Amino acid sequence: MSKATEKLPQRLLEHTVSQDYSLYTDIDQAVWRYIMKISVPFFEKHAHQSYLEGLEMTGIPIDHIPRVEGMDKRLDNYNWGAVTVKGFIPPIIFMEFLSRKVLP
């Protein structure tokens, strides 16, 4: 679990899980690379430069699915954190994570 879970109330912890990186298949990794290969040029053209800088600062790589623990460590430099969640979470829960400076 990430460091960010230490400060979360139980109602949010119920939505978190450990990231078992070994479960990602070669196909999962290829899909990630494909999506990012398409997304980054789109972001470069349409997103604000700070968004691209944020991708790098948060540790979201282009060539492989990110490890949430690594993202959590990098986000800690900005008093934020990251957690792995159980799939789709209700919008109100998502927003509460963000209000507590945790990226779900």
N, C-alpha and C. Protein backbone atom coordinates (compact mmCIF):
# COMPACT_ATOMS: atom_id res chain seq x y z
N MET A 1 0.84 -1.19 0.00
CA MET A 1 0.00 0.00 0.00
C MET A 1 0.87 1.25 0.00
N SER A 2 0.34 2.28 -0.54
CA SER A 2 1.08 3.53 -0.62
C SER A 2 1.02 4.28 0.71
N LYS A 3 1.95 5.20 0.86
CA LYS A 3 2.00 6.04 2.05
C LYS A 3 0.72 6.86 2.19
N ALA A 4 0.12 7.21 1.07
CA ALA A 4 -1.09 8.05 1.08
C ALA A 4 -2.23 7.41 1.86
N THR A 5 -2.25 6.08 1.98
CA THR A 5 -3.35 5.42 2.69
C THR A 5 -3.32 5.71 4.18
N GLU A 6 -2.17 6.12 4.70
CA GLU A 6 -2.04 6.37 6.14
C GLU A 6 -2.97 7.47 6.63
N LYS A 7 -3.33 8.40 5.77
CA LYS A 7 -4.13 9.55 6.20
C LYS A 7 -5.59 9.49 5.74
N LEU A 8 -6.00 8.35 5.24
CA LEU A 8 -7.37 8.25 4.69
C LEU A 8 -8.34 7.65 5.70
N PRO A 9 -9.58 8.14 5.72
CA PRO A 9 -10.60 7.53 6.58
C PRO A 9 -11.03 6.17 6.01
N GLN A 10 -11.62 5.37 6.85
CA GLN A 10 -12.03 4.02 6.48
C GLN A 10 -12.93 4.01 5.25
N ARG A 11 -13.82 4.98 5.12
CA ARG A 11 -14.76 4.99 3.99
C ARG A 11 -14.04 5.10 2.65
N LEU A 12 -12.84 5.69 2.65
CA LEU A 12 -12.05 5.75 1.42
C LEU A 12 -11.16 4.52 1.29
N LEU A 13 -10.63 4.06 2.42
CA LEU A 13 -9.78 2.86 2.38
C LEU A 13 -10.52 1.66 1.81
N GLU A 14 -11.82 1.61 2.00
CA GLU A 14 -12.63 0.51 1.47
C GLU A 14 -12.55 0.41 -0.05
N HIS A 15 -12.16 1.48 -0.70
CA HIS A 15 -12.08 1.51 -2.17
C HIS A 15 -10.66 1.25 -2.68
N THR A 16 -9.69 1.08 -1.78
CA THR A 16 -8.30 0.90 -2.20
C THR A 16 -7.92 -0.58 -2.22
N VAL A 17 -6.96 -0.90 -3.05
CA VAL A 17 -6.38 -2.24 -3.14
C VAL A 17 -4.88 -2.09 -3.37
N SER A 18 -4.16 -3.18 -3.14
CA SER A 18 -2.74 -3.19 -3.48
C SER A 18 -2.61 -3.41 -4.98
N GLN A 19 -1.62 -2.80 -5.58
CA GLN A 19 -1.38 -3.00 -7.01
C GLN A 19 -0.45 -4.20 -7.16
N ASP A 20 -0.97 -5.28 -7.72
CA ASP A 20 -0.14 -6.46 -7.99
C ASP A 20 0.36 -6.34 -9.42
N TYR A 21 1.56 -5.79 -9.55
CA TYR A 21 2.10 -5.48 -10.87
C TYR A 21 2.28 -6.73 -11.72
N SER A 22 2.47 -7.88 -11.07
CA SER A 22 2.68 -9.12 -11.82
C SER A 22 1.44 -9.56 -12.60
N LEU A 23 0.29 -9.01 -12.27
CA LEU A 23 -0.94 -9.37 -12.97
C LEU A 23 -1.06 -8.71 -14.34
N TYR A 24 -0.26 -7.67 -14.59
CA TYR A 24 -0.32 -7.02 -15.90
C TYR A 24 0.36 -7.90 -16.95
N THR A 25 -0.36 -8.17 -18.01
CA THR A 25 0.17 -9.01 -19.08
C THR A 25 0.94 -8.16 -20.09
N ASP A 26 1.61 -8.85 -21.00
CA ASP A 26 2.29 -8.13 -22.09
C ASP A 26 1.27 -7.33 -22.92
N ILE A 27 0.08 -7.88 -23.05
CA ILE A 27 -0.97 -7.17 -23.80
C ILE A 27 -1.39 -5.90 -23.05
N ASP A 28 -1.55 -6.01 -21.72
CA ASP A 28 -1.88 -4.82 -20.92
C ASP A 28 -0.83 -3.73 -21.13
N GLN A 29 0.44 -4.13 -21.09
CA GLN A 29 1.52 -3.17 -21.26
C GLN A 29 1.49 -2.56 -22.67
N ALA A 30 1.22 -3.40 -23.66
CA ALA A 30 1.15 -2.91 -25.05
C ALA A 30 0.00 -1.93 -25.23
N VAL A 31 -1.13 -2.22 -24.60
CA VAL A 31 -2.28 -1.31 -24.68
C VAL A 31 -1.92 0.04 -24.04
N TRP A 32 -1.25 0.00 -22.88
CA TRP A 32 -0.81 1.24 -22.23
C TRP A 32 0.08 2.05 -23.17
N ARG A 33 1.08 1.39 -23.76
CA ARG A 33 2.00 2.10 -24.67
C ARG A 33 1.24 2.69 -25.86
N TYR A 34 0.30 1.94 -26.39
CA TYR A 34 -0.49 2.41 -27.53
C TYR A 34 -1.30 3.66 -27.16
N ILE A 35 -1.99 3.58 -26.03
CA ILE A 35 -2.80 4.71 -25.59
C ILE A 35 -1.93 5.94 -25.35
N MET A 36 -0.80 5.74 -24.71
CA MET A 36 0.08 6.88 -24.42
C MET A 36 0.72 7.41 -25.70
N LYS A 37 1.02 6.51 -26.64
CA LYS A 37 1.62 6.94 -27.91
C LYS A 37 0.65 7.85 -28.66
N ILE A 38 -0.64 7.56 -28.56
CA ILE A 38 -1.66 8.40 -29.19
C ILE A 38 -1.92 9.66 -28.36
N SER A 39 -1.96 9.50 -27.05
CA SER A 39 -2.35 10.59 -26.16
C SER A 39 -1.33 11.71 -26.08
N VAL A 40 -0.06 11.36 -25.97
CA VAL A 40 0.96 12.40 -25.77
C VAL A 40 0.97 13.42 -26.91
N PRO A 41 0.97 12.99 -28.18
CA PRO A 41 0.91 14.00 -29.24
C PRO A 41 -0.36 14.86 -29.18
N PHE A 42 -1.47 14.24 -28.79
CA PHE A 42 -2.72 14.99 -28.63
C PHE A 42 -2.55 16.03 -27.53
N PHE A 43 -1.98 15.60 -26.39
CA PHE A 43 -1.77 16.53 -25.28
C PHE A 43 -0.81 17.64 -25.68
N GLU A 44 0.22 17.30 -26.42
CA GLU A 44 1.19 18.32 -26.85
C GLU A 44 0.52 19.40 -27.70
N LYS A 45 -0.48 18.99 -28.45
CA LYS A 45 -1.17 19.94 -29.33
C LYS A 45 -2.29 20.70 -28.61
N HIS A 46 -3.00 20.02 -27.69
CA HIS A 46 -4.22 20.60 -27.14
C HIS A 46 -4.17 20.93 -25.65
N ALA A 47 -3.27 20.34 -24.91
CA ALA A 47 -3.25 20.57 -23.45
C ALA A 47 -2.27 21.69 -23.10
N HIS A 48 -2.48 22.25 -21.95
CA HIS A 48 -1.56 23.26 -21.44
C HIS A 48 -0.22 22.59 -21.12
N GLN A 49 0.86 23.32 -21.31
CA GLN A 49 2.21 22.78 -21.06
C GLN A 49 2.34 22.22 -19.65
N SER A 50 1.67 22.83 -18.69
CA SER A 50 1.77 22.35 -17.31
C SER A 50 1.20 20.94 -17.15
N TYR A 51 0.26 20.56 -18.01
CA TYR A 51 -0.28 19.20 -17.96
C TYR A 51 0.81 18.19 -18.33
N LEU A 52 1.54 18.48 -19.39
CA LEU A 52 2.63 17.59 -19.81
C LEU A 52 3.72 17.54 -18.74
N GLU A 53 4.02 18.68 -18.16
CA GLU A 53 5.01 18.71 -17.08
C GLU A 53 4.52 17.87 -15.90
N GLY A 54 3.22 17.94 -15.63
CA GLY A 54 2.64 17.17 -14.55
C GLY A 54 2.75 15.67 -14.77
N LEU A 55 2.58 15.22 -16.01
CA LEU A 55 2.75 13.80 -16.30
C LEU A 55 4.15 13.33 -15.90
N GLU A 56 5.13 14.13 -16.24
CA GLU A 56 6.51 13.77 -15.91
C GLU A 56 6.75 13.85 -14.40
N MET A 57 6.27 14.91 -13.78
CA MET A 57 6.50 15.11 -12.35
C MET A 57 5.85 14.03 -11.51
N THR A 58 4.71 13.52 -11.95
CA THR A 58 4.00 12.51 -11.17
C THR A 58 4.51 11.10 -11.41
N GLY A 59 5.40 10.93 -12.37
CA GLY A 59 5.95 9.61 -12.62
C GLY A 59 5.06 8.74 -13.48
N ILE A 60 4.23 9.36 -14.32
CA ILE A 60 3.40 8.58 -15.23
C ILE A 60 4.21 8.36 -16.50
N PRO A 61 4.72 7.14 -16.69
CA PRO A 61 5.57 6.86 -17.85
C PRO A 61 4.77 6.59 -19.11
N ILE A 62 5.45 6.66 -20.22
CA ILE A 62 4.82 6.39 -21.51
C ILE A 62 5.01 4.92 -21.90
N ASP A 63 6.12 4.34 -21.49
CA ASP A 63 6.50 3.02 -21.99
C ASP A 63 6.03 1.84 -21.16
N HIS A 64 5.42 2.08 -20.00
CA HIS A 64 4.89 0.98 -19.19
C HIS A 64 3.84 1.51 -18.21
N ILE A 65 2.98 0.61 -17.75
CA ILE A 65 1.96 0.97 -16.77
C ILE A 65 2.67 1.47 -15.51
N PRO A 66 2.23 2.60 -14.98
CA PRO A 66 2.93 3.14 -13.80
C PRO A 66 2.74 2.27 -12.56
N ARG A 67 3.76 2.29 -11.73
CA ARG A 67 3.66 1.67 -10.41
C ARG A 67 3.15 2.75 -9.47
N VAL A 68 2.03 2.49 -8.84
CA VAL A 68 1.39 3.50 -8.01
C VAL A 68 2.27 3.89 -6.83
N GLU A 69 3.01 2.94 -6.27
CA GLU A 69 3.91 3.29 -5.16
C GLU A 69 4.95 4.32 -5.60
N GLY A 70 5.46 4.18 -6.81
CA GLY A 70 6.42 5.15 -7.32
C GLY A 70 5.79 6.51 -7.52
N MET A 71 4.57 6.51 -8.04
CA MET A 71 3.85 7.78 -8.20
C MET A 71 3.59 8.42 -6.84
N ASP A 72 3.23 7.60 -5.87
CA ASP A 72 2.95 8.10 -4.53
C ASP A 72 4.19 8.79 -3.95
N LYS A 73 5.34 8.17 -4.13
CA LYS A 73 6.59 8.77 -3.63
C LYS A 73 6.88 10.10 -4.31
N ARG A 74 6.69 10.16 -5.61
CA ARG A 74 6.94 11.41 -6.33
C ARG A 74 5.94 12.49 -5.95
N LEU A 75 4.69 12.11 -5.80
CA LEU A 75 3.66 13.08 -5.43
C LEU A 75 3.85 13.60 -4.01
N ASP A 76 4.49 12.80 -3.17
CA ASP A 76 4.75 13.23 -1.79
C ASP A 76 5.57 14.52 -1.77
N ASN A 77 6.39 14.74 -2.78
CA ASN A 77 7.16 15.99 -2.88
C ASN A 77 6.26 17.22 -2.99
N TYR A 78 5.01 17.01 -3.38
CA TYR A 78 4.06 18.11 -3.56
C TYR A 78 2.91 18.04 -2.55
N ASN A 79 3.13 17.23 -1.48
CA ASN A 79 2.11 17.01 -0.45
C ASN A 79 0.84 16.37 -1.00
N TRP A 80 1.02 15.53 -2.01
CA TRP A 80 -0.06 14.73 -2.57
C TRP A 80 0.34 13.26 -2.45
N GLY A 81 -0.55 12.38 -2.83
CA GLY A 81 -0.27 10.96 -2.84
C GLY A 81 -1.06 10.27 -3.93
N ALA A 82 -0.86 8.96 -4.04
CA ALA A 82 -1.59 8.16 -5.03
C ALA A 82 -1.93 6.81 -4.42
N VAL A 83 -3.09 6.30 -4.78
CA VAL A 83 -3.52 4.98 -4.33
C VAL A 83 -4.11 4.22 -5.51
N THR A 84 -4.11 2.91 -5.39
CA THR A 84 -4.77 2.05 -6.36
C THR A 84 -6.18 1.79 -5.85
N VAL A 85 -7.17 1.90 -6.72
CA VAL A 85 -8.55 1.69 -6.31
C VAL A 85 -9.15 0.49 -7.05
N LYS A 86 -10.28 0.03 -6.53
CA LYS A 86 -10.98 -1.13 -7.08
C LYS A 86 -11.81 -0.73 -8.29
N GLY A 87 -11.19 -0.54 -9.42
CA GLY A 87 -11.94 -0.21 -10.63
C GLY A 87 -12.60 1.15 -10.55
N PHE A 88 -13.78 1.24 -11.16
CA PHE A 88 -14.53 2.50 -11.16
C PHE A 88 -15.05 2.77 -9.77
N ILE A 89 -14.86 4.00 -9.30
CA ILE A 89 -15.38 4.38 -7.98
C ILE A 89 -16.42 5.50 -8.18
N PRO A 90 -17.37 5.61 -7.26
CA PRO A 90 -18.38 6.66 -7.40
C PRO A 90 -17.73 8.04 -7.46
N PRO A 91 -18.29 8.93 -8.27
CA PRO A 91 -17.71 10.27 -8.40
C PRO A 91 -17.50 11.00 -7.08
N ILE A 92 -18.42 10.84 -6.14
CA ILE A 92 -18.27 11.52 -4.85
C ILE A 92 -17.04 11.01 -4.09
N ILE A 93 -16.76 9.72 -4.24
CA ILE A 93 -15.57 9.13 -3.60
C ILE A 93 -14.32 9.64 -4.30
N PHE A 94 -14.35 9.66 -5.62
CA PHE A 94 -13.23 10.18 -6.40
C PHE A 94 -12.90 11.61 -5.96
N MET A 95 -13.93 12.43 -5.85
CA MET A 95 -13.73 13.83 -5.46
C MET A 95 -13.21 13.95 -4.04
N GLU A 96 -13.65 13.06 -3.16
CA GLU A 96 -13.12 13.13 -1.78
C GLU A 96 -11.65 12.75 -1.75
N PHE A 97 -11.24 11.76 -2.54
CA PHE A 97 -9.81 11.46 -2.64
C PHE A 97 -9.05 12.72 -3.04
N LEU A 98 -9.53 13.38 -4.10
CA LEU A 98 -8.84 14.59 -4.58
C LEU A 98 -8.85 15.69 -3.53
N SER A 99 -9.95 15.83 -2.79
CA SER A 99 -10.01 16.87 -1.76
C SER A 99 -8.99 16.62 -0.66
N ARG A 100 -8.57 15.37 -0.52
CA ARG A 100 -7.56 15.01 0.47
C ARG A 100 -6.16 14.90 -0.15
N LYS A 101 -6.05 15.41 -1.37
CA LYS A 101 -4.78 15.43 -2.11
C LYS A 101 -4.24 14.02 -2.37
N VAL A 102 -5.14 13.14 -2.76
CA VAL A 102 -4.77 11.77 -3.12
C VAL A 102 -5.33 11.48 -4.51
N LEU A 103 -4.47 11.05 -5.41
CA LEU A 103 -4.87 10.70 -6.77
C LEU A 103 -5.27 9.23 -6.80
N PRO A 104 -6.56 8.95 -7.04
CA PRO A 104 -6.98 7.54 -7.07
C PRO A 104 -6.69 6.90 -8.42
